[in-house]
Amino acid sequence: MRALENLEPKEVFYFFEEICKIPHGSGNTDQISRYLEEFARQRDLEHYRDELGNIIIIKEASSGYENHEPVMLQGHMDMVAVKEPDCLLDMTKYGLRLFVDGDRLSAVDTSLGGDDGIALAYGLALLDGQTYRHPRIEVVFTVDEEVGMDGARALDVSPLKAKRLINLDSEEEGIFLAGCAGGARVNLSLNGSLEKRMGIPCEIKIDGLKGGHSGEEISKQRGNAICLLGRALKKLSEKVDFVIEDLTGGVADNAIPTWAKARILIIGYENRSGKQKVMQDGFAEQEYLARLKVSCDKLQKEFSEELADRDENVRIESTYEKIGEFTALSEEQSKKAINLLNALPWGVQTMSSAMEGLVETSLNPGLLSMEEAKVRIGISVRSSVESAKEALIDRLISIAELAGADTEVTGEYPGWNYRKDSPLREKMVNVYEQMYHKQPQIRAIHAGVECGLLAAKIPGLDCVSIGPDMKDIHTTGEELSIASAGRVWDYLVRLLESM
């Protein structure tokens, strides 16, 4: 029995379950792309697949709609694939384990990928159905939206005729998005050198945080595990002397990191007789570890108090092993890495003066890794003001230069400016009011959607973004409302009939 067999609308949840059987995290979309291509081939639908794996599937107008203007439907096929630390599922090879709890659809110990799996399911259900009335529909499925909108950036739009775009990448029913922030990814890399040292190996770990989408959830000011780790290492360096063996944290630059950890090598501490820089037989390990524990306990108290109303389960933990010889960064490079992490800005930088409650500019250090002697940090930068985005990127470049780190800016995409005159939005509002006897909310968001890139490629493109209710996307607590998904489907079908 299929896990979603009894859910309505059946046609939508059938395809959603099919999608969830296929691993489709960012950078791993070849299999889902070929599934979509085969779907189109089996139904003899006009379709295109490019080198990146972007898919365009076209279904001609139903009877009586041949002379009406075409409409484009669009979503992305990649998900942010995250899982609980103790989850053994290899998300690069296997599908998700779905479960239903009342109105909530989620996945066991992993993210669900409702962002943007529900868009794919809506598109496939429309393409597969034989009874829906609609003008020519051009369904566009892009790759790697979550890591810089690479698919939309490279998309060849020449097969497309539509000047109206319904993007299906939103997460709140009854809210029509009409604008979004632009963004970029800033990659910092600090080159160091490795050397063998005697010391006590310890692991410092920050976890227990809620995380979330770095655009949608950034205004909630939840803790960022990578930045908290930088702060913790700076404080600990005042109590014990150590060098860094390894750094790691986060899963994606656009997901607020829920965990980060450092493996350090304690090589000495300062006491009344001066700095003890060399580990020797007879040194009391407990003296070092006691200092470490006291410092971690103090940081735990500080973090818990600061994040009490936002991330009440934050934890800092330390574990250690026996004295030995290990390979680590030099003391100079360890200090640079700590200072770089501790100096990074994060979270909301400015709020919009044009729209109350809207974040204007933010950033999220979301990825931390160390390969050999190179420390890497991936940061998502967003702003609805282009000059503010550029200024924040320049600030990160300056911080990196002070630490001796290199900077690379990738995945830059434009914002989607609010369009005062939008016939598509007017039509969508009218249909919504007829169905629900209330007005939808018109908003701009701080998160990025692909409308800006597509509008830049297709002059005059009129765009609106909609979607069903979802919670905690990009986290293992991600939920899709079943009832909301059904209502948005009904609305989408009615809307196409009216067009």
Protein backbone atom coordinates (compact mmCIF):
# COMPACT_ATOMS: atom_id res chain seq x y z
CA MET A 1 0.00 0.00 0.00
CA ARG A 2 1.29 3.45 -0.88
CA ALA A 3 1.86 5.73 2.10
CA LEU A 4 -0.22 8.54 0.54
CA GLU A 5 -2.81 6.38 -1.24
CA ASN A 6 -5.77 7.72 0.76
CA LEU A 7 -4.87 11.40 0.52
CA GLU A 8 -6.83 13.86 -1.61
CA PRO A 9 -6.36 15.07 -4.26
CA LYS A 10 -5.19 11.62 -5.32
CA GLU A 11 -3.58 12.74 -8.58
CA VAL A 12 -1.38 15.27 -6.77
CA PHE A 13 -0.27 13.01 -3.92
CA TYR A 14 0.36 10.12 -6.30
CA PHE A 15 3.01 12.16 -8.08
CA PHE A 16 4.31 13.65 -4.83
CA GLU A 17 4.98 10.15 -3.53
CA GLU A 18 6.63 9.15 -6.82
CA ILE A 19 8.93 12.18 -6.53
CA CYS A 20 9.81 11.32 -2.92
CA LYS A 21 10.96 7.84 -4.02
CA ILE A 22 13.72 9.47 -6.07
CA PRO A 23 16.73 11.10 -4.35
CA HIS A 24 16.80 14.72 -5.52
CA GLY A 25 18.93 16.86 -3.26
CA SER A 26 20.68 19.84 -4.80
CA GLY A 27 23.46 18.68 -7.11
CA ASN A 28 21.87 15.22 -7.35
CA THR A 29 19.00 15.86 -9.76
CA ASP A 30 19.89 13.74 -12.76
CA GLN A 31 17.57 10.90 -11.75
CA ILE A 32 14.55 13.13 -11.12
CA SER A 33 15.26 15.04 -14.34
CA ARG A 34 15.23 11.81 -16.35
CA TYR A 35 12.03 10.73 -14.61
CA LEU A 36 10.35 13.95 -15.77
CA GLU A 37 11.71 13.51 -19.27
CA GLU A 38 10.36 9.95 -19.43
CA PHE A 39 7.00 11.17 -18.08
CA ALA A 40 6.71 13.56 -21.04
CA ARG A 41 7.90 10.97 -23.56
CA GLN A 42 5.34 8.37 -22.44
CA ARG A 43 2.52 10.91 -22.90
CA ASP A 44 3.84 12.16 -26.22
CA LEU A 45 4.13 15.72 -24.88
CA GLU A 46 6.45 18.29 -26.43
CA HIS A 47 9.45 18.52 -24.10
CA TYR A 48 13.02 19.76 -23.82
CA ARG A 49 15.91 18.74 -21.56
CA ASP A 50 19.15 20.71 -21.50
CA GLU A 51 22.67 19.76 -20.39
CA LEU A 52 22.03 20.80 -16.78
CA GLY A 53 18.85 18.76 -16.61
CA ASN A 54 16.27 21.54 -16.76
CA ILE A 55 12.98 20.24 -18.16
CA ILE A 56 10.29 22.06 -20.17
CA ILE A 57 7.06 20.15 -20.88
CA ILE A 58 4.34 21.71 -23.02
CA LYS A 59 0.69 20.71 -23.22
CA GLU A 60 -1.41 22.36 -25.88
CA ALA A 61 -4.65 24.14 -25.05
CA SER A 62 -7.77 22.14 -24.36
CA SER A 63 -10.77 22.46 -26.66
CA GLY A 64 -12.15 26.00 -26.70
CA TYR A 65 -8.95 27.54 -25.28
CA GLU A 66 -6.83 27.48 -28.43
CA ASN A 67 -6.95 31.27 -28.92
CA HIS A 68 -6.18 32.18 -25.32
CA GLU A 69 -2.71 33.30 -24.26
CA PRO A 70 -0.46 30.55 -22.86
CA VAL A 71 0.56 30.38 -19.22
CA MET A 72 3.77 29.12 -17.67
CA LEU A 73 3.89 27.05 -14.45
CA GLN A 74 7.25 26.77 -12.76
CA GLY A 75 8.97 25.05 -9.85
CA HIS A 76 12.38 23.58 -9.05
CA MET A 77 13.20 19.89 -8.76
CA ASP A 78 15.93 20.01 -6.09
CA MET A 79 15.33 19.88 -2.33
CA VAL A 80 17.56 20.76 0.62
CA ALA A 81 18.39 17.25 1.81
CA VAL A 82 19.00 17.33 5.56
CA LYS A 83 18.68 14.59 8.15
CA GLU A 84 19.02 14.00 11.88
CA PRO A 85 22.63 13.36 13.04
CA ASP A 86 21.85 9.73 13.89
CA CYS A 87 19.85 9.03 10.71
CA LEU A 88 21.54 6.32 8.59
CA LEU A 89 19.55 6.98 5.41
CA ASP A 90 21.81 7.86 2.46
CA MET A 91 19.77 10.64 0.85
CA THR A 92 21.96 10.58 -2.26
CA LYS A 93 20.84 7.02 -3.05
CA TYR A 94 17.46 6.40 -1.45
CA GLY A 95 14.06 8.05 -1.29
CA LEU A 96 12.24 9.48 1.71
CA ARG A 97 10.21 7.62 4.33
CA LEU A 98 6.92 9.51 4.41
CA PHE A 99 4.39 9.56 7.22
CA VAL A 100 1.03 11.23 7.81
CA ASP A 101 -0.02 12.64 11.17
CA GLY A 102 -3.47 14.20 10.89
CA ASP A 103 -3.16 17.09 8.45
CA ARG A 104 0.63 16.92 8.55
CA LEU A 105 2.75 15.22 5.91
CA SER A 106 6.42 14.79 6.88
CA ALA A 107 9.39 12.46 6.43
CA VAL A 108 11.07 10.29 9.06
CA ASP A 109 14.29 11.93 10.34
CA THR A 110 14.78 13.97 7.15
CA SER A 111 13.50 17.04 5.36
CA LEU A 112 10.40 16.43 3.23
CA GLY A 113 11.22 18.41 0.12
CA GLY A 114 7.73 19.89 -0.04
CA ASP A 115 9.81 22.84 -1.21
CA ASP A 116 9.50 22.31 -4.14
CA GLY A 117 8.17 18.77 -4.56
CA ILE A 118 4.57 19.95 -4.36
CA ALA A 119 5.20 22.22 -7.38
CA LEU A 120 6.39 19.22 -9.38
CA ALA A 121 3.35 17.21 -8.26
CA TYR A 122 0.94 19.98 -9.29
CA GLY A 123 2.61 20.32 -12.69
CA LEU A 124 2.64 16.57 -13.39
CA ALA A 125 -0.99 16.15 -12.31
CA LEU A 126 -2.06 18.92 -14.71
CA LEU A 127 -0.01 17.49 -17.56
CA ASP A 128 -1.33 13.98 -16.92
CA GLY A 129 -5.01 14.91 -16.53
CA GLN A 130 -7.41 14.70 -19.45
CA THR A 131 -10.42 16.57 -18.06
CA TYR A 132 -8.91 19.92 -17.03
CA ARG A 133 -9.65 22.98 -19.16
CA HIS A 134 -6.77 25.33 -19.79
CA PRO A 135 -4.87 27.39 -22.37
CA ARG A 136 -1.51 26.14 -23.58
CA ILE A 137 0.51 25.36 -20.44
CA GLU A 138 4.30 25.45 -20.39
CA VAL A 139 5.61 23.66 -17.31
CA VAL A 140 9.19 24.51 -16.40
CA PHE A 141 11.14 22.41 -13.89
CA THR A 142 14.59 23.81 -13.00
CA VAL A 143 17.58 22.24 -11.26
CA ASP A 144 19.65 23.46 -8.32
CA GLU A 145 17.51 26.41 -7.27
CA GLU A 146 18.58 25.90 -3.67
CA VAL A 147 22.27 26.43 -4.39
CA GLY A 148 22.14 29.60 -6.44
CA MET A 149 19.35 29.18 -9.01
CA ASP A 150 21.85 27.70 -11.45
CA GLY A 151 19.15 25.99 -13.51
CA ALA A 152 17.03 29.09 -14.10
CA ARG A 153 20.15 31.09 -14.89
CA ALA A 154 21.13 28.71 -17.70
CA LEU A 155 17.61 27.95 -18.98
CA ASP A 156 17.01 28.37 -22.71
CA VAL A 157 13.61 30.08 -22.88
CA SER A 158 13.27 29.95 -26.68
CA PRO A 159 10.60 27.17 -26.60
CA LEU A 160 8.41 29.30 -24.32
CA LYS A 161 5.66 31.57 -25.61
CA ALA A 162 3.98 32.54 -22.34
CA LYS A 163 4.12 36.05 -20.91
CA ARG A 164 2.32 34.95 -17.74
CA LEU A 165 4.12 32.94 -15.05
CA ILE A 166 2.61 31.21 -12.03
CA ASN A 167 5.54 30.21 -9.84
CA LEU A 168 4.66 27.41 -7.36
CA ASP A 169 7.48 27.90 -4.87
CA SER A 170 5.68 29.67 -2.00
CA GLU A 171 4.85 28.26 1.43
CA GLU A 172 1.79 30.17 2.67
CA GLU A 173 -1.69 29.64 1.29
CA GLY A 174 -3.63 32.81 0.55
CA ILE A 175 -0.49 34.90 0.19
CA PHE A 176 0.43 35.96 -3.34
CA LEU A 177 4.07 36.88 -3.73
CA ALA A 178 4.78 39.77 -6.07
CA GLY A 179 8.44 40.50 -5.35
CA CYS A 180 11.54 38.99 -3.72
CA ALA A 181 15.10 39.72 -2.70
CA GLY A 182 18.16 39.20 -4.85
CA GLY A 183 21.10 37.27 -3.52
CA ALA A 184 24.47 35.64 -3.94
CA ARG A 185 26.70 33.05 -2.33
CA VAL A 186 30.01 34.22 -0.88
CA ASN A 187 32.64 31.50 -0.46
CA LEU A 188 35.53 32.18 1.90
CA SER A 189 38.62 29.97 2.01
CA LEU A 190 41.52 30.28 4.42
CA ASN A 191 44.66 28.38 3.47
CA GLY A 192 46.82 27.12 6.30
CA SER A 193 49.55 24.60 7.04
CA LEU A 194 49.49 21.40 9.07
CA GLU A 195 51.98 20.28 11.66
CA LYS A 196 52.25 17.50 14.23
CA ARG A 197 51.71 18.50 17.86
CA MET A 198 51.37 16.83 21.23
CA GLY A 199 48.12 17.65 22.99
CA ILE A 200 44.73 16.63 24.31
CA PRO A 201 42.21 16.20 21.46
CA CYS A 202 38.78 17.62 22.27
CA GLU A 203 35.57 18.07 20.31
CA ILE A 204 33.46 21.20 20.85
CA LYS A 205 29.94 20.85 19.44
CA ILE A 206 27.05 23.30 19.14
CA ASP A 207 23.66 21.72 18.36
CA GLY A 208 19.99 21.58 19.34
CA LEU A 209 19.07 24.62 17.24
CA LYS A 210 15.90 24.90 15.15
CA GLY A 211 17.49 26.16 11.94
CA GLY A 212 15.22 26.92 9.01
CA HIS A 213 15.21 28.66 5.64
CA SER A 214 17.74 31.48 5.60
CA GLY A 215 15.27 33.77 3.86
CA GLU A 216 11.87 32.87 5.28
CA GLU A 217 13.04 32.19 8.85
CA ILE A 218 15.87 34.71 9.22
CA SER A 219 13.55 37.31 10.78
CA LYS A 220 12.93 34.94 13.71
CA GLN A 221 16.55 35.54 14.77
CA ARG A 222 17.26 31.93 15.59
CA GLY A 223 20.76 30.87 16.54
CA ASN A 224 23.38 30.16 13.88
CA ALA A 225 25.51 27.22 15.02
CA ILE A 226 28.54 28.19 12.90
CA CYS A 227 28.65 31.71 14.31
CA LEU A 228 28.06 30.45 17.86
CA LEU A 229 30.96 28.04 17.36
CA GLY A 230 33.22 30.92 16.32
CA ARG A 231 32.21 32.81 19.44
CA ALA A 232 32.77 29.76 21.62
CA LEU A 233 36.23 29.08 20.20
CA LYS A 234 37.23 32.70 20.77
CA LYS A 235 36.17 32.50 24.43
CA LEU A 236 37.83 29.13 24.96
CA SER A 237 41.09 30.42 23.49
CA GLU A 238 41.27 32.86 26.41
CA LYS A 239 41.36 29.97 28.89
CA VAL A 240 43.42 27.28 27.16
CA ASP A 241 45.91 27.26 24.32
CA PHE A 242 44.84 25.04 21.44
CA VAL A 243 45.18 24.50 17.72
CA ILE A 244 42.47 23.36 15.30
CA GLU A 245 42.35 19.86 13.87
CA ASP A 246 39.01 20.08 12.05
CA LEU A 247 35.95 22.29 11.54
CA THR A 248 32.57 21.31 10.15
CA GLY A 249 28.97 22.50 10.28
CA GLY A 250 25.71 23.09 8.42
CA VAL A 251 24.26 21.45 5.31
CA ALA A 252 23.58 24.32 2.88
CA ASP A 253 24.39 28.01 2.65
CA ASN A 254 20.67 28.85 2.53
CA ALA A 255 19.71 26.77 5.58
CA ILE A 256 20.36 28.24 9.04
CA PRO A 257 22.84 25.71 10.52
CA THR A 258 21.53 23.67 13.44
CA TRP A 259 24.92 22.25 14.38
CA ALA A 260 28.64 22.90 14.05
CA LYS A 261 31.68 21.35 15.67
CA ALA A 262 35.40 21.83 16.05
CA ARG A 263 38.04 19.27 16.88
CA ILE A 264 40.78 21.07 18.78
CA LEU A 265 44.11 20.04 20.28
CA ILE A 266 44.87 21.57 23.68
CA ILE A 267 48.58 22.34 23.86
CA GLY A 268 48.85 24.44 27.01
CA TYR A 269 47.36 27.02 29.33
CA GLU A 270 48.47 30.08 31.26
CA ASN A 271 49.05 29.85 35.02
CA ARG A 272 51.01 31.80 37.62
CA SER A 273 54.32 30.57 36.29
CA GLY A 274 53.54 31.69 32.76
CA LYS A 275 52.37 29.93 29.63
CA GLN A 276 52.85 26.17 29.49
CA LYS A 277 53.23 25.61 25.77
CA VAL A 278 54.43 22.01 25.57
CA MET A 279 52.54 18.93 26.75
CA GLN A 280 54.87 16.86 28.93
CA ASP A 281 54.53 13.68 30.96
CA GLY A 282 53.31 14.58 34.42
CA PHE A 283 51.16 17.53 33.31
CA ALA A 284 47.74 17.23 34.92
CA GLU A 285 45.23 16.68 32.14
CA GLN A 286 42.43 17.44 34.55
CA GLU A 287 43.63 21.03 34.90
CA TYR A 288 43.13 21.61 31.19
CA LEU A 289 39.83 19.80 31.03
CA ALA A 290 38.47 21.53 34.12
CA ARG A 291 39.17 24.90 32.52
CA LEU A 292 37.47 23.71 29.34
CA LYS A 293 34.40 22.45 31.19
CA VAL A 294 33.99 25.64 33.22
CA SER A 295 34.20 27.71 30.05
CA CYS A 296 31.70 25.51 28.18
CA ASP A 297 29.28 25.60 31.11
CA LYS A 298 29.47 29.39 31.15
CA LEU A 299 28.87 29.56 27.40
CA GLN A 300 25.93 27.16 27.72
CA LYS A 301 24.34 29.51 30.25
CA GLU A 302 24.96 32.56 28.07
CA PHE A 303 23.62 30.96 24.88
CA SER A 304 20.55 29.59 26.66
CA GLU A 305 19.69 32.97 28.16
CA GLU A 306 20.23 34.87 24.90
CA LEU A 307 18.20 32.43 22.80
CA ALA A 308 15.60 31.49 25.41
CA ASP A 309 12.61 32.63 23.36
CA ARG A 310 14.01 31.59 19.97
CA ASP A 311 16.20 28.49 20.34
CA GLU A 312 15.62 27.16 23.82
CA ASN A 313 17.31 23.79 23.17
CA VAL A 314 20.74 25.13 22.20
CA ARG A 315 23.59 22.99 23.57
CA ILE A 316 27.34 23.21 23.74
CA GLU A 317 29.12 19.97 24.53
CA SER A 318 32.77 18.97 24.92
CA THR A 319 34.37 15.54 24.76
CA TYR A 320 38.04 14.59 24.91
CA GLU A 321 40.55 11.80 24.33
CA LYS A 322 43.96 10.92 25.74
CA ILE A 323 47.12 12.95 25.18
CA GLY A 324 48.89 12.05 21.97
CA GLU A 325 50.49 13.35 18.79
CA PHE A 326 48.09 14.69 16.18
CA THR A 327 48.11 16.80 13.02
CA ALA A 328 46.56 20.27 13.26
CA LEU A 329 46.77 23.81 11.91
CA SER A 330 49.63 25.95 13.12
CA GLU A 331 48.95 28.28 16.05
CA GLU A 332 48.97 31.32 13.75
CA GLN A 333 46.51 29.78 11.28
CA SER A 334 44.29 28.49 14.09
CA LYS A 335 44.08 32.01 15.49
CA LYS A 336 43.18 33.42 12.04
CA ALA A 337 40.46 30.81 11.56
CA ILE A 338 38.96 31.53 14.99
CA ASN A 339 39.02 35.28 14.43
CA LEU A 340 37.46 34.91 10.98
CA LEU A 341 34.58 32.81 12.33
CA ASN A 342 34.06 35.12 15.28
CA ALA A 343 34.08 38.27 13.10
CA LEU A 344 31.44 37.08 10.63
CA PRO A 345 28.19 39.06 10.70
CA TRP A 346 25.02 37.02 10.46
CA GLY A 347 21.25 37.33 10.49
CA VAL A 348 19.15 40.41 9.80
CA GLN A 349 21.21 43.47 8.90
CA THR A 350 18.44 45.96 7.98
CA MET A 351 14.65 45.96 7.75
CA SER A 352 12.76 47.37 4.76
CA SER A 353 11.56 50.95 4.99
CA ALA A 354 9.14 50.36 2.10
CA MET A 355 7.21 47.39 3.53
CA GLU A 356 6.62 46.95 7.25
CA GLY A 357 7.93 43.68 8.68
CA LEU A 358 9.98 42.76 5.60
CA VAL A 359 13.68 42.04 5.99
CA GLU A 360 15.70 44.09 3.53
CA THR A 361 19.22 42.72 3.95
CA SER A 362 20.57 39.60 5.68
CA LEU A 363 23.24 36.95 5.51
CA ASN A 364 23.63 33.38 6.67
CA PRO A 365 26.96 31.56 7.10
CA GLY A 366 25.50 28.12 6.37
CA LEU A 367 28.41 25.82 5.50
CA LEU A 368 31.67 25.18 7.34
CA SER A 369 34.27 22.60 6.34
CA MET A 370 37.98 21.91 6.46
CA GLU A 371 39.87 20.02 3.75
CA GLU A 372 43.48 19.30 4.58
CA ALA A 373 44.62 22.73 5.82
CA LYS A 374 41.96 24.81 4.06
CA VAL A 375 39.00 26.21 6.02
CA ARG A 376 35.91 26.89 3.87
CA ILE A 377 32.83 28.94 4.74
CA GLY A 378 29.75 29.24 2.49
CA ILE A 379 27.54 32.29 3.09
CA SER A 380 24.15 33.21 1.61
CA VAL A 381 23.63 36.97 1.15
CA ARG A 382 20.19 38.45 0.41
CA SER A 383 18.82 41.94 -0.12
CA SER A 384 15.92 43.62 -1.88
CA VAL A 385 18.23 46.62 -2.46
CA GLU A 386 21.02 45.89 -4.94
CA SER A 387 23.45 48.43 -3.50
CA ALA A 388 22.93 47.02 0.02
CA LYS A 389 23.65 43.52 -1.26
CA GLU A 390 26.86 44.72 -2.90
CA ALA A 391 27.90 46.60 0.25
CA LEU A 392 27.44 43.49 2.40
CA ILE A 393 29.45 41.38 -0.04
CA ASP A 394 32.21 44.01 0.05
CA ARG A 395 32.15 43.89 3.85
CA LEU A 396 32.67 40.12 3.79
CA ILE A 397 35.53 40.53 1.33
CA SER A 398 37.17 43.06 3.66
CA ILE A 399 36.82 40.76 6.68
CA ALA A 400 38.29 37.91 4.65
CA GLU A 401 41.25 40.02 3.52
CA LEU A 402 42.01 41.01 7.12
CA ALA A 403 42.15 37.30 8.01
CA GLY A 404 44.24 36.45 4.94
CA ALA A 405 41.38 34.49 3.34
CA ASP A 406 40.31 34.32 -0.30
CA THR A 407 36.80 35.20 -1.51
CA GLU A 408 34.69 33.92 -4.41
CA VAL A 409 31.20 35.24 -5.20
CA THR A 410 28.95 32.75 -7.03
CA GLY A 411 25.29 32.16 -7.81
CA GLU A 412 24.37 35.85 -7.93
CA TYR A 413 20.76 36.43 -8.93
CA PRO A 414 18.61 39.55 -9.30
CA GLY A 415 15.70 40.55 -7.16
CA TRP A 416 12.16 40.45 -8.48
CA ASN A 417 10.75 43.96 -8.36
CA TYR A 418 7.11 44.54 -7.48
CA ARG A 419 5.03 45.33 -10.56
CA LYS A 420 2.30 47.86 -9.89
CA ASP A 421 0.30 46.94 -13.01
CA SER A 422 -0.13 43.17 -13.16
CA PRO A 423 -3.08 41.75 -15.15
CA LEU A 424 -2.11 38.25 -14.00
CA ARG A 425 -2.23 39.23 -10.33
CA GLU A 426 -5.56 40.98 -10.86
CA LYS A 427 -7.03 37.85 -12.47
CA MET A 428 -5.67 35.63 -9.69
CA VAL A 429 -7.10 37.89 -6.98
CA ASN A 430 -10.53 37.90 -8.64
CA VAL A 431 -10.66 34.10 -8.86
CA TYR A 432 -9.51 33.78 -5.25
CA GLU A 433 -12.22 36.18 -4.05
CA GLN A 434 -14.89 34.27 -6.00
CA MET A 435 -13.83 30.99 -4.42
CA TYR A 436 -13.16 32.06 -0.84
CA HIS A 437 -15.05 35.37 -0.44
CA LYS A 438 -11.99 37.14 0.90
CA GLN A 439 -8.96 38.86 -0.50
CA PRO A 440 -5.54 37.21 -0.61
CA GLN A 441 -2.58 39.07 0.84
CA ILE A 442 -0.10 40.55 -1.62
CA ARG A 443 3.46 40.44 -0.32
CA ALA A 444 7.11 40.56 -1.19
CA ILE A 445 9.47 38.16 0.58
CA HIS A 446 13.07 38.12 1.67
CA ALA A 447 13.66 34.65 0.23
CA GLY A 448 14.63 34.26 -3.41
CA VAL A 449 12.43 32.76 -6.12
CA GLU A 450 13.28 32.27 -9.76
CA CYS A 451 10.81 34.86 -11.08
CA GLY A 452 13.51 37.53 -11.18
CA LEU A 453 15.83 35.48 -13.40
CA LEU A 454 13.02 34.38 -15.70
CA ALA A 455 11.63 37.92 -15.99
CA ALA A 456 15.10 39.11 -17.00
CA LYS A 457 15.12 36.52 -19.81
CA ILE A 458 11.53 37.12 -21.01
CA PRO A 459 10.72 40.84 -21.40
CA GLY A 460 7.28 41.75 -20.09
CA LEU A 461 6.85 38.52 -18.11
CA ASP A 462 4.05 38.96 -15.55
CA CYS A 463 4.73 36.82 -12.46
CA VAL A 464 2.95 35.73 -9.27
CA SER A 465 4.12 33.06 -6.83
CA ILE A 466 1.73 30.87 -4.79
CA GLY A 467 1.81 27.65 -2.79
CA PRO A 468 0.24 25.67 0.07
CA ASP A 469 1.06 25.93 3.75
CA MET A 470 4.43 24.49 4.76
CA LYS A 471 6.40 24.81 7.97
CA ASP A 472 10.08 24.54 8.84
CA ILE A 473 11.31 23.91 5.29
CA HIS A 474 14.97 22.93 4.94
CA THR A 475 14.80 21.17 8.34
CA THR A 476 13.99 17.67 9.58
CA GLY A 477 10.78 19.09 11.03
CA GLU A 478 9.43 20.15 7.62
CA GLU A 479 5.66 19.78 7.27
CA LEU A 480 3.21 20.09 4.38
CA SER A 481 -0.46 20.72 5.17
CA ILE A 482 -2.51 18.13 3.30
CA ALA A 483 -5.70 20.17 3.36
CA SER A 484 -3.92 23.30 2.18
CA ALA A 485 -2.28 21.40 -0.67
CA GLY A 486 -5.76 20.30 -1.76
CA ARG A 487 -7.21 23.80 -1.63
CA VAL A 488 -4.35 25.29 -3.64
CA TRP A 489 -4.83 22.52 -6.22
CA ASP A 490 -8.54 23.35 -6.51
CA TYR A 491 -7.67 27.02 -6.88
CA LEU A 492 -5.03 26.32 -9.54
CA VAL A 493 -7.47 24.23 -11.61
CA ARG A 494 -10.16 26.92 -11.36
CA LEU A 495 -7.66 29.62 -12.22
CA LEU A 496 -6.53 27.87 -15.39
CA GLU A 497 -10.14 27.36 -16.40
CA SER A 498 -10.70 31.11 -16.05
CA MET A 499 -7.68 31.95 -18.22
